[in-house]
């Protein structure tokens, strides 16, 4: 309102005043609430999808670290094998006290190799387990992403329904919502 009592109404002011005075359209109000609820649930699903994707990446990183450690152990095993081979050759080429020293070295290398092999196998198993966990998390992430997409479709259909005022379109809104919620539950249950 200006200082002189003159007031210009905007194009939507009359509609806003009408809704405020008469409670508005029940169809519009319900659809607006449904859209707000869908947006909230969609945001939660989006967060859960991001969380599962991050977990999958962390597990994949852990698998890579374990694979590298296992590879290092196998390289160490190979180095001990080379030393064992040289000691065995030395047993053949020497005699007496020197030969006994090399036999003891061969036995020591065999024992060391067994310990190294156990550790390498353990690291490979840990890498495989981390890879499997990553696969599970990516599967769950795909569920959350699909659920979020379905809810976004439901929100878009809700807007179209509101703009066109076609009540029959509510079926598609409810259908997309139902599918989104089912897929979200499947993601939550890690199925």
Protein backbone atom coordinates (compact mmCIF):
# COMPACT_ATOMS: atom_id res chain seq x y z
CA UNK A 1 0.00 0.00 0.00
CA UNK A 2 1.29 3.44 -0.85
CA UNK A 3 1.25 6.48 1.43
CA UNK A 4 -1.89 7.83 -0.24
CA UNK A 5 -4.09 4.75 0.30
CA UNK A 6 -3.78 3.47 -3.26
CA UNK A 7 -3.10 -0.26 -3.57
CA UNK A 8 -2.45 -2.30 -6.73
CA UNK A 9 -3.25 -6.01 -6.58
CA UNK A 10 -0.94 -8.51 -8.23
CA UNK A 11 -2.45 -11.09 -10.56
CA UNK A 12 -2.33 -13.83 -7.95
CA UNK A 13 -3.39 -11.75 -4.91
CA UNK A 14 -7.09 -12.39 -5.40
CA UNK A 15 -6.53 -16.18 -5.53
CA UNK A 16 -4.33 -16.10 -2.43
CA UNK A 17 -6.93 -14.08 -0.52
CA UNK A 18 -9.67 -16.46 -1.66
CA UNK A 19 -7.74 -19.51 -0.45
CA UNK A 20 -6.97 -17.79 2.85
CA UNK A 21 -10.61 -16.80 3.44
CA UNK A 22 -12.38 -19.91 2.16
CA UNK A 23 -9.91 -22.67 2.93
CA UNK A 24 -8.97 -23.32 -0.67
CA UNK A 25 -9.45 -26.35 -2.86
CA UNK A 26 -9.31 -29.68 -1.00
CA UNK A 27 -7.84 -31.44 -4.08
CA UNK A 28 -5.03 -28.91 -4.34
CA UNK A 29 -4.28 -29.02 -0.62
CA UNK A 30 -4.08 -32.79 -0.50
CA UNK A 31 -1.89 -32.96 -3.57
CA UNK A 32 0.42 -30.30 -2.12
CA UNK A 33 0.77 -32.29 1.12
CA UNK A 34 1.39 -35.50 -0.83
CA UNK A 35 4.08 -33.75 -2.87
CA UNK A 36 5.76 -32.46 0.28
CA UNK A 37 5.72 -35.94 1.83
CA UNK A 38 7.11 -37.48 -1.36
CA UNK A 39 9.88 -34.88 -1.44
CA UNK A 40 10.84 -35.68 2.13
CA UNK A 41 10.88 -39.43 1.56
CA UNK A 42 12.79 -38.91 -1.68
CA UNK A 43 15.41 -36.87 0.16
CA UNK A 44 15.82 -39.67 2.71
CA UNK A 45 16.13 -42.26 -0.06
CA UNK A 46 18.69 -40.06 -1.82
CA UNK A 47 20.73 -39.82 1.37
CA UNK A 48 20.61 -43.59 1.86
CA UNK A 49 21.67 -44.11 -1.76
CA UNK A 50 24.67 -41.85 -1.27
CA UNK A 51 25.55 -43.65 1.95
CA UNK A 52 25.47 -47.08 0.31
CA UNK A 53 27.52 -45.82 -2.64
CA UNK A 54 30.16 -44.42 -0.28
CA UNK A 55 30.26 -47.72 1.61
CA UNK A 56 30.73 -49.60 -1.68
CA UNK A 57 33.63 -47.34 -2.60
CA UNK A 58 35.25 -47.80 0.80
CA UNK A 59 34.99 -51.58 0.53
CA UNK A 60 36.39 -51.47 -3.02
CA UNK A 61 39.30 -49.37 -1.75
CA UNK A 62 39.89 -51.85 1.08
CA UNK A 63 39.89 -54.69 -1.45
CA UNK A 64 42.52 -52.89 -3.54
CA UNK A 65 44.71 -52.33 -0.49
CA UNK A 66 44.43 -56.00 0.53
CA UNK A 67 45.19 -57.15 -3.04
CA UNK A 68 48.31 -54.98 -3.10
CA UNK A 69 49.42 -56.36 0.26
CA UNK A 70 48.80 -59.92 -0.94
CA UNK A 71 50.83 -59.22 -4.08
CA UNK A 72 53.66 -57.91 -1.93
CA UNK A 73 53.53 -61.07 0.15
CA UNK A 74 53.66 -63.26 -2.98
CA UNK A 75 56.66 -61.27 -4.22
CA UNK A 76 58.33 -61.85 -0.86
CA UNK A 77 57.47 -65.57 -1.17
CA UNK A 78 59.07 -65.62 -4.61
CA UNK A 79 62.22 -63.95 -3.28
CA UNK A 80 62.47 -66.62 -0.56
CA UNK A 81 61.99 -69.31 -3.22
CA UNK A 82 64.87 -67.86 -5.20
CA UNK A 83 67.07 -67.89 -2.10
CA UNK A 84 65.97 -71.45 -1.35
CA UNK A 85 66.88 -72.50 -4.91
CA UNK A 86 70.32 -70.95 -4.56
CA UNK A 87 70.81 -72.69 -1.21
CA UNK A 88 69.76 -76.03 -2.75
CA UNK A 89 72.25 -75.50 -5.57
CA UNK A 90 74.93 -74.69 -2.99
CA UNK A 91 74.15 -77.96 -1.16
CA UNK A 92 74.88 -79.77 -4.40
CA UNK A 93 78.09 -77.86 -5.06
CA UNK A 94 79.59 -77.98 -1.56
CA UNK A 95 80.46 -80.55 1.05
CA UNK A 96 81.12 -80.78 4.76
CA UNK A 97 80.35 -77.88 7.05
CA UNK A 98 79.41 -75.51 4.22
CA UNK A 99 76.97 -78.05 2.84
CA UNK A 100 75.29 -78.41 6.28
CA UNK A 101 75.00 -74.62 6.55
CA UNK A 102 73.21 -74.49 3.18
CA UNK A 103 70.87 -77.40 4.19
CA UNK A 104 69.86 -75.42 7.26
CA UNK A 105 69.25 -72.38 5.06
CA UNK A 106 67.02 -74.49 2.76
CA UNK A 107 64.97 -75.64 5.77
CA UNK A 108 64.74 -72.08 7.09
CA UNK A 109 63.54 -70.76 3.71
CA UNK A 110 60.90 -73.52 3.48
CA UNK A 111 59.57 -72.58 6.93
CA UNK A 112 59.60 -68.85 6.11
CA UNK A 113 57.78 -69.50 2.84
CA UNK A 114 55.02 -71.39 4.67
CA UNK A 115 54.45 -68.40 6.99
CA UNK A 116 54.50 -65.97 4.07
CA UNK A 117 52.02 -68.14 2.12
CA UNK A 118 49.60 -68.21 5.06
CA UNK A 119 49.71 -64.39 5.27
CA UNK A 120 49.31 -63.98 1.49
CA UNK A 121 46.30 -66.32 1.48
CA UNK A 122 44.77 -64.40 4.40
CA UNK A 123 45.20 -61.09 2.56
CA UNK A 124 43.67 -62.54 -0.62
CA UNK A 125 40.67 -63.77 1.39
CA UNK A 126 40.27 -60.32 2.98
CA UNK A 127 40.39 -58.72 -0.48
CA UNK A 128 37.74 -61.12 -1.78
CA UNK A 129 35.50 -60.42 1.23
CA UNK A 130 35.83 -56.64 0.76
CA UNK A 131 35.01 -57.04 -2.96
CA UNK A 132 31.88 -59.02 -2.09
CA UNK A 133 30.78 -56.38 0.44
CA UNK A 134 31.32 -53.70 -2.20
CA UNK A 135 29.11 -55.62 -4.65
CA UNK A 136 26.35 -55.90 -2.04
CA UNK A 137 26.51 -52.17 -1.27
CA UNK A 138 26.39 -51.27 -4.97
CA UNK A 139 23.34 -53.49 -5.37
CA UNK A 140 21.67 -51.67 -2.45
CA UNK A 141 22.73 -48.32 -3.93
CA UNK A 142 20.98 -49.21 -7.18
CA UNK A 143 17.80 -49.95 -5.22
CA UNK A 144 17.95 -46.58 -3.41
CA UNK A 145 18.64 -44.77 -6.70
CA UNK A 146 15.68 -46.46 -8.40
CA UNK A 147 13.40 -45.70 -5.43
CA UNK A 148 14.48 -42.04 -5.48
CA UNK A 149 13.87 -41.83 -9.23
CA UNK A 150 10.40 -43.32 -8.89
CA UNK A 151 9.50 -40.80 -6.19
CA UNK A 152 10.81 -37.97 -8.38
CA UNK A 153 8.57 -39.25 -11.17
CA UNK A 154 5.65 -39.32 -8.73
CA UNK A 155 6.37 -35.69 -7.76
CA UNK A 156 6.50 -34.65 -11.44
CA UNK A 157 3.23 -36.49 -12.12
CA UNK A 158 1.74 -34.79 -9.08
CA UNK A 159 2.65 -31.39 -10.52
CA UNK A 160 1.15 -32.34 -13.89
CA UNK A 161 -1.99 -33.56 -12.13
CA UNK A 162 -2.25 -30.30 -10.22
CA UNK A 163 -1.74 -28.17 -13.33
CA UNK A 164 -4.15 -30.13 -15.51
CA UNK A 165 -6.62 -30.79 -12.68
CA UNK A 166 -7.13 -34.30 -14.08
CA UNK A 167 -8.07 -36.42 -11.10
CA UNK A 168 -7.59 -39.66 -13.03
CA UNK A 169 -3.84 -38.89 -13.16
CA UNK A 170 -3.70 -39.54 -9.43
CA UNK A 171 -3.54 -43.22 -10.32
CA UNK A 172 -0.15 -42.69 -11.93
CA UNK A 173 1.00 -40.60 -8.95
CA UNK A 174 -0.03 -43.36 -6.52
CA UNK A 175 1.44 -46.05 -8.78
CA UNK A 176 4.87 -44.38 -9.00
CA UNK A 177 4.74 -43.65 -5.26
CA UNK A 178 3.87 -47.26 -4.43
CA UNK A 179 6.63 -48.65 -6.63
CA UNK A 180 9.13 -46.18 -5.18
CA UNK A 181 8.23 -47.12 -1.63
CA UNK A 182 8.43 -50.85 -2.38
CA UNK A 183 11.85 -50.47 -4.01
CA UNK A 184 12.97 -48.31 -1.05
CA UNK A 185 11.94 -51.04 1.38
CA UNK A 186 13.80 -53.61 -0.74
CA UNK A 187 16.89 -51.38 -0.54
CA UNK A 188 16.46 -50.97 3.21
CA UNK A 189 16.25 -54.75 3.64
CA UNK A 190 19.36 -55.23 1.43
CA UNK A 191 17.50 -57.50 -0.98
